[in-house]
């Protein structure tokens, strides 16, 4: 329920900003899609920044595992457990 309330509040805030800067809502499809892309990119700026502030490395594999699924909406493939090779 909290998620829905936060989402509604964010939508109201965006509506107020649209009214203040005189942008009609709903925005034209291209403008709306570019805005959504900006939101996705902006959302992914925070996790690497937090890692850097904590002194942790930001590697490509970490970015691929943590950020890419949020951007693309596709869950990362689970890592396959490979058993150690058995010697005869």
PDB file of N, CA and C in Angstrom:
ATOM      1  N   UNK A   1       0.820  -1.193   0.000  1.00  0.00           N
ATOM      2  CA  UNK A   1       0.000   0.000   0.000  1.00  0.00           C
ATOM      3  C   UNK A   1       0.859   1.251   0.000  1.00  0.00           C
ATOM      4  N   UNK A   2       1.998   1.194   0.754  1.00  0.00           N
ATOM      5  CA  UNK A   2       2.872   2.355   0.828  1.00  0.00           C
ATOM      6  C   UNK A   2       3.401   2.724  -0.558  1.00  0.00           C
ATOM      7  N   UNK A   3       3.724   1.704  -1.363  1.00  0.00           N
ATOM      8  CA  UNK A   3       4.233   1.935  -2.703  1.00  0.00           C
ATOM      9  C   UNK A   3       3.230   2.731  -3.542  1.00  0.00           C
ATOM     10  N   UNK A   4       1.964   2.403  -3.414  1.00  0.00           N
ATOM     11  CA  UNK A   4       0.930   3.104  -4.184  1.00  0.00           C
ATOM     12  C   UNK A   4       0.785   4.554  -3.735  1.00  0.00           C
ATOM     13  N   UNK A   5       0.885   4.787  -2.454  1.00  0.00           N
ATOM     14  CA  UNK A   5       0.772   6.154  -1.936  1.00  0.00           C
ATOM     15  C   UNK A   5       1.954   6.991  -2.402  1.00  0.00           C
ATOM     16  N   UNK A   6       3.158   6.417  -2.346  1.00  0.00           N
ATOM     17  CA  UNK A   6       4.343   7.137  -2.812  1.00  0.00           C
ATOM     18  C   UNK A   6       4.235   7.422  -4.310  1.00  0.00           C
ATOM     19  N   UNK A   7       3.761   6.450  -5.076  1.00  0.00           N
ATOM     20  CA  UNK A   7       3.590   6.634  -6.512  1.00  0.00           C
ATOM     21  C   UNK A   7       2.574   7.737  -6.804  1.00  0.00           C
ATOM     22  N   UNK A   8       1.482   7.738  -6.076  1.00  0.00           N
ATOM     23  CA  UNK A   8       0.471   8.784  -6.247  1.00  0.00           C
ATOM     24  C   UNK A   8       1.049  10.150  -5.896  1.00  0.00           C
ATOM     25  N   UNK A   9       1.799  10.226  -4.805  1.00  0.00           N
ATOM     26  CA  UNK A   9       2.400  11.498  -4.392  1.00  0.00           C
ATOM     27  C   UNK A   9       3.389  12.000  -5.443  1.00  0.00           C
ATOM     28  N   UNK A  10       4.184  11.093  -6.010  1.00  0.00           N
ATOM     29  CA  UNK A  10       5.133  11.481  -7.063  1.00  0.00           C
ATOM     30  C   UNK A  10       4.382  11.990  -8.292  1.00  0.00           C
ATOM     31  N   UNK A  11       3.300  11.328  -8.642  1.00  0.00           N
ATOM     32  CA  UNK A  11       2.495  11.775  -9.774  1.00  0.00           C
ATOM     33  C   UNK A  11       1.888  13.148  -9.543  1.00  0.00           C
ATOM     34  N   UNK A  12       1.420  13.396  -8.333  1.00  0.00           N
ATOM     35  CA  UNK A  12       0.865  14.713  -8.003  1.00  0.00           C
ATOM     36  C   UNK A  12       1.952  15.776  -8.083  1.00  0.00           C
ATOM     37  N   UNK A  13       3.150  15.456  -7.569  1.00  0.00           N
ATOM     38  CA  UNK A  13       4.259  16.400  -7.633  1.00  0.00           C
ATOM     39  C   UNK A  13       4.627  16.727  -9.071  1.00  0.00           C
ATOM     40  N   UNK A  14       4.689  15.727  -9.919  1.00  0.00           N
ATOM     41  CA  UNK A  14       4.997  15.961 -11.331  1.00  0.00           C
ATOM     42  C   UNK A  14       3.895  16.797 -11.972  1.00  0.00           C
ATOM     43  N   UNK A  15       2.654  16.530 -11.629  1.00  0.00           N
ATOM     44  CA  UNK A  15       1.548  17.329 -12.155  1.00  0.00           C
ATOM     45  C   UNK A  15       1.659  18.790 -11.754  1.00  0.00           C
ATOM     46  N   UNK A  16       2.057  19.040 -10.528  1.00  0.00           N
ATOM     47  CA  UNK A  16       2.248  20.420 -10.063  1.00  0.00           C
ATOM     48  C   UNK A  16       3.390  21.081 -10.838  1.00  0.00           C
ATOM     49  N   UNK A  17       4.487  20.347 -11.035  1.00  0.00           N
ATOM     50  CA  UNK A  17       5.617  20.899 -11.797  1.00  0.00           C
ATOM     51  C   UNK A  17       5.190  21.195 -13.233  1.00  0.00           C
ATOM     52  N   UNK A  18       4.427  20.297 -13.847  1.00  0.00           N
ATOM     53  CA  UNK A  18       3.924  20.535 -15.199  1.00  0.00           C
ATOM     54  C   UNK A  18       3.101  21.825 -15.239  1.00  0.00           C
ATOM     55  N   UNK A  19       2.246  22.011 -14.248  1.00  0.00           N
ATOM     56  CA  UNK A  19       1.396  23.210 -14.226  1.00  0.00           C
ATOM     57  C   UNK A  19       2.234  24.482 -14.054  1.00  0.00           C
ATOM     58  N   UNK A  20       3.257  24.416 -13.212  1.00  0.00           N
ATOM     59  CA  UNK A  20       4.095  25.592 -12.969  1.00  0.00           C
ATOM     60  C   UNK A  20       4.876  25.990 -14.217  1.00  0.00           C
ATOM     61  N   UNK A  21       5.404  24.999 -14.954  1.00  0.00           N
ATOM     62  CA  UNK A  21       6.191  25.330 -16.144  1.00  0.00           C
ATOM     63  C   UNK A  21       5.351  25.339 -17.427  1.00  0.00           C
ATOM     64  N   UNK A  22       4.046  25.265 -17.279  1.00  0.00           N
ATOM     65  CA  UNK A  22       3.107  25.366 -18.401  1.00  0.00           C
ATOM     66  C   UNK A  22       3.278  24.271 -19.451  1.00  0.00           C
ATOM     67  N   UNK A  23       3.447  23.041 -19.023  1.00  0.00           N
ATOM     68  CA  UNK A  23       3.514  21.898 -19.927  1.00  0.00           C
ATOM     69  C   UNK A  23       2.186  21.169 -19.825  1.00  0.00           C
ATOM     70  N   UNK A  24       1.619  20.896 -20.994  1.00  0.00           N
ATOM     71  CA  UNK A  24       0.353  20.171 -20.981  1.00  0.00           C
ATOM     72  C   UNK A  24       0.573  18.726 -20.620  1.00  0.00           C
ATOM     73  N   UNK A  25      -0.341  18.160 -19.904  1.00  0.00           N
ATOM     74  CA  UNK A  25      -0.270  16.754 -19.566  1.00  0.00           C
ATOM     75  C   UNK A  25      -1.521  16.089 -20.113  1.00  0.00           C
ATOM     76  N   UNK A  26      -1.475  14.953 -20.718  1.00  0.00           N
ATOM     77  CA  UNK A  26      -0.308  14.131 -20.921  1.00  0.00           C
ATOM     78  C   UNK A  26       0.588  14.710 -22.006  1.00  0.00           C
ATOM     79  N   UNK A  27       1.852  14.513 -21.838  1.00  0.00           N
ATOM     80  CA  UNK A  27       2.841  14.989 -22.790  1.00  0.00           C
ATOM     81  C   UNK A  27       2.741  14.170 -24.072  1.00  0.00           C
ATOM     82  N   UNK A  28       3.203  14.730 -25.173  1.00  0.00           N
ATOM     83  CA  UNK A  28       3.235  13.941 -26.403  1.00  0.00           C
ATOM     84  C   UNK A  28       4.041  12.662 -26.177  1.00  0.00           C
ATOM     85  N   UNK A  29       3.720  11.582 -26.880  1.00  0.00           N
ATOM     86  CA  UNK A  29       4.361  10.292 -26.627  1.00  0.00           C
ATOM     87  C   UNK A  29       5.890  10.326 -26.621  1.00  0.00           C
ATOM     88  N   UNK A  30       6.513  11.018 -27.567  1.00  0.00           N
ATOM     89  CA  UNK A  30       7.974  11.038 -27.614  1.00  0.00           C
ATOM     90  C   UNK A  30       8.533  11.731 -26.379  1.00  0.00           C
ATOM     91  N   UNK A  31       7.934  12.853 -26.004  1.00  0.00           N
ATOM     92  CA  UNK A  31       8.390  13.587 -24.829  1.00  0.00           C
ATOM     93  C   UNK A  31       8.213  12.736 -23.577  1.00  0.00           C
ATOM     94  N   UNK A  32       7.098  12.039 -23.482  1.00  0.00           N
ATOM     95  CA  UNK A  32       6.846  11.187 -22.321  1.00  0.00           C
ATOM     96  C   UNK A  32       7.864  10.050 -22.250  1.00  0.00           C
ATOM     97  N   UNK A  33       8.173   9.431 -23.387  1.00  0.00           N
ATOM     98  CA  UNK A  33       9.139   8.334 -23.399  1.00  0.00           C
ATOM     99  C   UNK A  33      10.538   8.820 -23.044  1.00  0.00           C
ATOM    100  N   UNK A  34      10.918   9.984 -23.542  1.00  0.00           N
ATOM    101  CA  UNK A  34      12.226  10.531 -23.191  1.00  0.00           C
ATOM    102  C   UNK A  34      12.274  10.850 -21.702  1.00  0.00           C
ATOM    103  N   UNK A  35      11.174  11.357 -21.157  1.00  0.00           N
ATOM    104  CA  UNK A  35      11.114  11.624 -19.722  1.00  0.00           C
ATOM    105  C   UNK A  35      11.237  10.351 -18.900  1.00  0.00           C
ATOM    106  N   UNK A  36      10.566   9.296 -19.337  1.00  0.00           N
ATOM    107  CA  UNK A  36      10.677   8.006 -18.637  1.00  0.00           C
ATOM    108  C   UNK A  36      12.092   7.451 -18.713  1.00  0.00           C
ATOM    109  N   UNK A  37      12.732   7.597 -19.875  1.00  0.00           N
ATOM    110  CA  UNK A  37      14.117   7.153 -20.004  1.00  0.00           C
ATOM    111  C   UNK A  37      15.011   7.937 -19.047  1.00  0.00           C
ATOM    112  N   UNK A  38      14.785   9.230 -18.954  1.00  0.00           N
ATOM    113  CA  UNK A  38      15.556  10.049 -18.016  1.00  0.00           C
ATOM    114  C   UNK A  38      15.349   9.613 -16.577  1.00  0.00           C
ATOM    115  N   UNK A  39      14.126   9.232 -16.244  1.00  0.00           N
ATOM    116  CA  UNK A  39      13.852   8.750 -14.889  1.00  0.00           C
ATOM    117  C   UNK A  39      14.609   7.456 -14.618  1.00  0.00           C
ATOM    118  N   UNK A  40      14.616   6.536 -15.585  1.00  0.00           N
ATOM    119  CA  UNK A  40      15.341   5.276 -15.417  1.00  0.00           C
ATOM    120  C   UNK A  40      16.833   5.507 -15.244  1.00  0.00           C
ATOM    121  N   UNK A  41      17.392   6.387 -16.069  1.00  0.00           N
ATOM    122  CA  UNK A  41      18.820   6.681 -15.967  1.00  0.00           C
ATOM    123  C   UNK A  41      19.122   7.366 -14.643  1.00  0.00           C
ATOM    124  N   UNK A  42      18.306   8.337 -14.274  1.00  0.00           N
ATOM    125  CA  UNK A  42      18.516   9.044 -13.013  1.00  0.00           C
ATOM    126  C   UNK A  42      18.428   8.133 -11.808  1.00  0.00           C
ATOM    127  N   UNK A  43      17.534   7.166 -11.880  1.00  0.00           N
ATOM    128  CA  UNK A  43      17.380   6.212 -10.784  1.00  0.00           C
ATOM    129  C   UNK A  43      18.634   5.357 -10.618  1.00  0.00           C
ATOM    130  N   UNK A  44      19.349   5.130 -11.711  1.00  0.00           N
ATOM    131  CA  UNK A  44      20.531   4.286 -11.651  1.00  0.00           C
ATOM    132  C   UNK A  44      21.810   5.053 -11.321  1.00  0.00           C
ATOM    133  N   UNK A  45      21.714   6.351 -11.129  1.00  0.00           N
ATOM    134  CA  UNK A  45      22.874   7.147 -10.728  1.00  0.00           C
ATOM    135  C   UNK A  45      23.160   6.958  -9.238  1.00  0.00           C
ATOM    136  N   UNK A  46      22.131   6.739  -8.455  1.00  0.00           N
ATOM    137  CA  UNK A  46      22.276   6.673  -6.998  1.00  0.00           C
ATOM    138  C   UNK A  46      23.058   5.442  -6.521  1.00  0.00           C
ATOM    139  N   UNK A  47      22.753   4.217  -6.957  1.00  0.00           N
ATOM    140  CA  UNK A  47      23.511   3.068  -6.439  1.00  0.00           C
ATOM    141  C   UNK A  47      25.026   3.151  -6.671  1.00  0.00           C
ATOM    142  N   UNK A  48      25.509   3.508  -7.882  1.00  0.00           N
ATOM    143  CA  UNK A  48      26.965   3.637  -8.038  1.00  0.00           C
ATOM    144  C   UNK A  48      27.548   4.756  -7.172  1.00  0.00           C
ATOM    145  N   UNK A  49      26.816   5.851  -7.047  1.00  0.00           N
ATOM    146  CA  UNK A  49      27.300   6.951  -6.207  1.00  0.00           C
ATOM    147  C   UNK A  49      27.432   6.496  -4.758  1.00  0.00           C
ATOM    148  N   UNK A  50      26.467   5.737  -4.271  1.00  0.00           N
ATOM    149  CA  UNK A  50      26.549   5.214  -2.902  1.00  0.00           C
ATOM    150  C   UNK A  50      27.749   4.295  -2.739  1.00  0.00           C
ATOM    151  N   UNK A  51      27.982   3.442  -3.738  1.00  0.00           N
ATOM    152  CA  UNK A  51      29.146   2.534  -3.662  1.00  0.00           C
ATOM    153  C   UNK A  51      30.445   3.325  -3.630  1.00  0.00           C
ATOM    154  N   UNK A  52      30.535   4.349  -4.477  1.00  0.00           N
ATOM    155  CA  UNK A  52      31.755   5.158  -4.497  1.00  0.00           C
ATOM    156  C   UNK A  52      31.969   5.880  -3.171  1.00  0.00           C
ATOM    157  N   UNK A  53      30.884   6.405  -2.600  1.00  0.00           N
ATOM    158  CA  UNK A  53      30.996   7.099  -1.310  1.00  0.00           C
ATOM    159  C   UNK A  53      31.395   6.145  -0.193  1.00  0.00           C
ATOM    160  N   UNK A  54      31.017   4.880  -0.309  1.00  0.00           N
ATOM    161  CA  UNK A  54      31.386   3.871   0.689  1.00  0.00           C
ATOM    162  C   UNK A  54      32.760   3.273   0.424  1.00  0.00           C
ATOM    163  N   UNK A  55      33.412   3.720  -0.636  1.00  0.00           N
ATOM    164  CA  UNK A  55      34.739   3.213  -0.960  1.00  0.00           C
ATOM    165  C   UNK A  55      34.743   1.864  -1.638  1.00  0.00           C
ATOM    166  N   UNK A  56      33.603   1.431  -2.139  1.00  0.00           N
ATOM    167  CA  UNK A  56      33.500   0.151  -2.823  1.00  0.00           C
ATOM    168  C   UNK A  56      33.690   0.365  -4.325  1.00  0.00           C
ATOM    169  N   UNK A  57      34.246  -0.615  -5.028  1.00  0.00           N
ATOM    170  CA  UNK A  57      34.454  -0.445  -6.470  1.00  0.00           C
ATOM    171  C   UNK A  57      33.146  -0.561  -7.258  1.00  0.00           C
ATOM    172  N   UNK A  58      33.088   0.165  -8.351  1.00  0.00           N
ATOM    173  CA  UNK A  58      31.963   0.056  -9.277  1.00  0.00           C
ATOM    174  C   UNK A  58      32.517  -0.621 -10.522  1.00  0.00           C
ATOM    175  N   UNK A  59      32.270  -1.914 -10.615  1.00  0.00           N
ATOM    176  CA  UNK A  59      32.781  -2.685 -11.749  1.00  0.00           C
ATOM    177  C   UNK A  59      31.682  -2.895 -12.783  1.00  0.00           C
ATOM    178  N   UNK A  60      32.115  -3.259 -13.958  1.00  0.00           N
ATOM    179  CA  UNK A  60      31.151  -3.523 -15.021  1.00  0.00           C
ATOM    180  C   UNK A  60      30.246  -4.692 -14.667  1.00  0.00           C
ATOM    181  N   UNK A  61      30.812  -5.728 -14.043  1.00  0.00           N
ATOM    182  CA  UNK A  61      29.989  -6.883 -13.675  1.00  0.00           C
ATOM    183  C   UNK A  61      28.961  -6.499 -12.605  1.00  0.00           C
ATOM    184  N   UNK A  62      29.357  -5.654 -11.650  1.00  0.00           N
ATOM    185  CA  UNK A  62      28.399  -5.190 -10.640  1.00  0.00           C
ATOM    186  C   UNK A  62      27.286  -4.395 -11.304  1.00  0.00           C
ATOM    187  N   UNK A  63      27.650  -3.469 -12.202  1.00  0.00           N
ATOM    188  CA  UNK A  63      26.654  -2.653 -12.896  1.00  0.00           C
ATOM    189  C   UNK A  63      25.701  -3.537 -13.690  1.00  0.00           C
ATOM    190  N   UNK A  64      26.249  -4.529 -14.379  1.00  0.00           N
ATOM    191  CA  UNK A  64      25.417  -5.432 -15.182  1.00  0.00           C
ATOM    192  C   UNK A  64      24.459  -6.226 -14.303  1.00  0.00           C
ATOM    193  N   UNK A  65      24.919  -6.640 -13.134  1.00  0.00           N
ATOM    194  CA  UNK A  65      24.086  -7.447 -12.243  1.00  0.00           C
ATOM    195  C   UNK A  65      23.054  -6.607 -11.488  1.00  0.00           C
ATOM    196  N   UNK A  66      23.433  -5.411 -11.049  1.00  0.00           N
ATOM    197  CA  UNK A  66      22.555  -4.616 -10.191  1.00  0.00           C
ATOM    198  C   UNK A  66      21.709  -3.588 -10.937  1.00  0.00           C
ATOM    199  N   UNK A  67      22.259  -2.959 -11.959  1.00  0.00           N
ATOM    200  CA  UNK A  67      21.566  -1.835 -12.600  1.00  0.00           C
ATOM    201  C   UNK A  67      20.834  -2.207 -13.886  1.00  0.00           C
ATOM    202  N   UNK A  68      21.465  -3.011 -14.722  1.00  0.00           N
ATOM    203  CA  UNK A  68      20.871  -3.336 -16.017  1.00  0.00           C
ATOM    204  C   UNK A  68      19.481  -3.959 -15.890  1.00  0.00           C
ATOM    205  N   UNK A  69      19.244  -4.892 -14.950  1.00  0.00           N
ATOM    206  CA  UNK A  69      17.882  -5.440 -14.839  1.00  0.00           C
ATOM    207  C   UNK A  69      16.833  -4.374 -14.511  1.00  0.00           C
ATOM    208  N   UNK A  70      17.205  -3.347 -13.757  1.00  0.00           N
ATOM    209  CA  UNK A  70      16.249  -2.292 -13.439  1.00  0.00           C
ATOM    210  C   UNK A  70      15.960  -1.429 -14.657  1.00  0.00           C
ATOM    211  N   UNK A  71      16.973  -1.208 -15.480  1.00  0.00           N
ATOM    212  CA  UNK A  71      16.797  -0.373 -16.666  1.00  0.00           C
ATOM    213  C   UNK A  71      15.997  -1.110 -17.733  1.00  0.00           C
ATOM    214  N   UNK A  72      16.349  -2.378 -17.976  1.00  0.00           N
ATOM    215  CA  UNK A  72      15.715  -3.124 -19.067  1.00  0.00           C
ATOM    216  C   UNK A  72      14.435  -3.832 -18.661  1.00  0.00           C
ATOM    217  N   UNK A  73      14.256  -4.062 -17.356  1.00  0.00           N
ATOM    218  CA  UNK A  73      13.082  -4.782 -16.893  1.00  0.00           C
ATOM    219  C   UNK A  73      13.229  -6.288 -17.017  1.00  0.00           C
ATOM    220  N   UNK A  74      14.410  -6.738 -17.417  1.00  0.00           N
ATOM    221  CA  UNK A  74      14.672  -8.165 -17.562  1.00  0.00           C
ATOM    222  C   UNK A  74      15.536  -8.610 -16.389  1.00  0.00           C
ATOM    223  N   UNK A  75      15.072  -9.604 -15.671  1.00  0.00           N
ATOM    224  CA  UNK A  75      15.820 -10.081 -14.515  1.00  0.00           C
ATOM    225  C   UNK A  75      17.121 -10.733 -14.970  1.00  0.00           C
ATOM    226  N   UNK A  76      18.148 -10.533 -14.179  1.00  0.00           N
ATOM    227  CA  UNK A  76      19.437 -11.152 -14.488  1.00  0.00           C
ATOM    228  C   UNK A  76      19.321 -12.663 -14.358  1.00  0.00           C
ATOM    229  N   UNK A  77      20.017 -13.365 -15.219  1.00  0.00           N
ATOM    230  CA  UNK A  77      19.994 -14.828 -15.176  1.00  0.00           C
ATOM    231  C   UNK A  77      20.678 -15.299 -13.900  1.00  0.00           C
ATOM    232  N   UNK A  78      20.090 -16.253 -13.214  1.00  0.00           N
ATOM    233  CA  UNK A  78      20.737 -16.759 -12.000  1.00  0.00           C
ATOM    234  C   UNK A  78      22.053 -17.442 -12.352  1.00  0.00           C
ATOM    235  N   UNK A  79      23.005 -17.308 -11.445  1.00  0.00           N
ATOM    236  CA  UNK A  79      24.302 -17.932 -11.675  1.00  0.00           C
ATOM    237  C   UNK A  79      24.156 -19.440 -11.542  1.00  0.00           C
ATOM    238  N   UNK A  80      24.722 -20.154 -12.490  1.00  0.00           N
ATOM    239  CA  UNK A  80      24.659 -21.624 -12.435  1.00  0.00           C
ATOM    240  C   UNK A  80      25.689 -22.129 -11.436  1.00  0.00           C
ATOM    241  N   UNK A  81      25.261 -23.017 -10.577  1.00  0.00           N
ATOM    242  CA  UNK A  81      26.177 -23.637  -9.625  1.00  0.00           C
ATOM    243  C   UNK A  81      26.911 -24.756 -10.356  1.00  0.00           C
ATOM    244  N   UNK A  82      28.181 -24.548 -10.565  1.00  0.00           N
ATOM    245  CA  UNK A  82      28.951 -25.577 -11.238  1.00  0.00           C
ATOM    246  C   UNK A  82      29.675 -26.406 -10.201  1.00  0.00           C
ATOM    247  N   UNK A  83      29.380 -27.680 -10.172  1.00  0.00           N
ATOM    248  CA  UNK A  83      30.051 -28.539  -9.197  1.00  0.00           C
ATOM    249  C   UNK A  83      31.517 -28.666  -9.556  1.00  0.00           C
ATOM    250  N   UNK A  84      32.388 -28.832  -8.563  1.00  0.00           N
ATOM    251  CA  UNK A  84      33.796 -29.009  -8.864  1.00  0.00           C
ATOM    252  C   UNK A  84      34.001 -30.279  -9.694  1.00  0.00           C
ATOM    253  N   UNK A  85      34.961 -30.204 -10.595  1.00  0.00           N
ATOM    254  CA  UNK A  85      35.191 -31.386 -11.443  1.00  0.00           C
ATOM    255  C   UNK A  85      35.739 -32.537 -10.598  1.00  0.00           C
ATOM    256  N   UNK A  86      35.216 -33.693 -10.877  1.00  0.00           N
ATOM    257  CA  UNK A  86      35.626 -34.877 -10.106  1.00  0.00           C
ATOM    258  C   UNK A  86      36.745 -35.583 -10.864  1.00  0.00           C
ATOM    259  N   UNK A  87      37.799 -35.862 -10.149  1.00  0.00           N
ATOM    260  CA  UNK A  87      38.924 -36.559 -10.752  1.00  0.00           C
ATOM    261  C   UNK A  87      38.803 -38.054 -10.440  1.00  0.00           C
ATOM    262  N   UNK A  88      39.062 -38.885 -11.434  1.00  0.00           N
ATOM    263  CA  UNK A  88      38.970 -40.332 -11.254  1.00  0.00           C
ATOM    264  C   UNK A  88      40.245 -40.905 -10.720  1.00  0.00           C
TER     265      UNK A  88
END
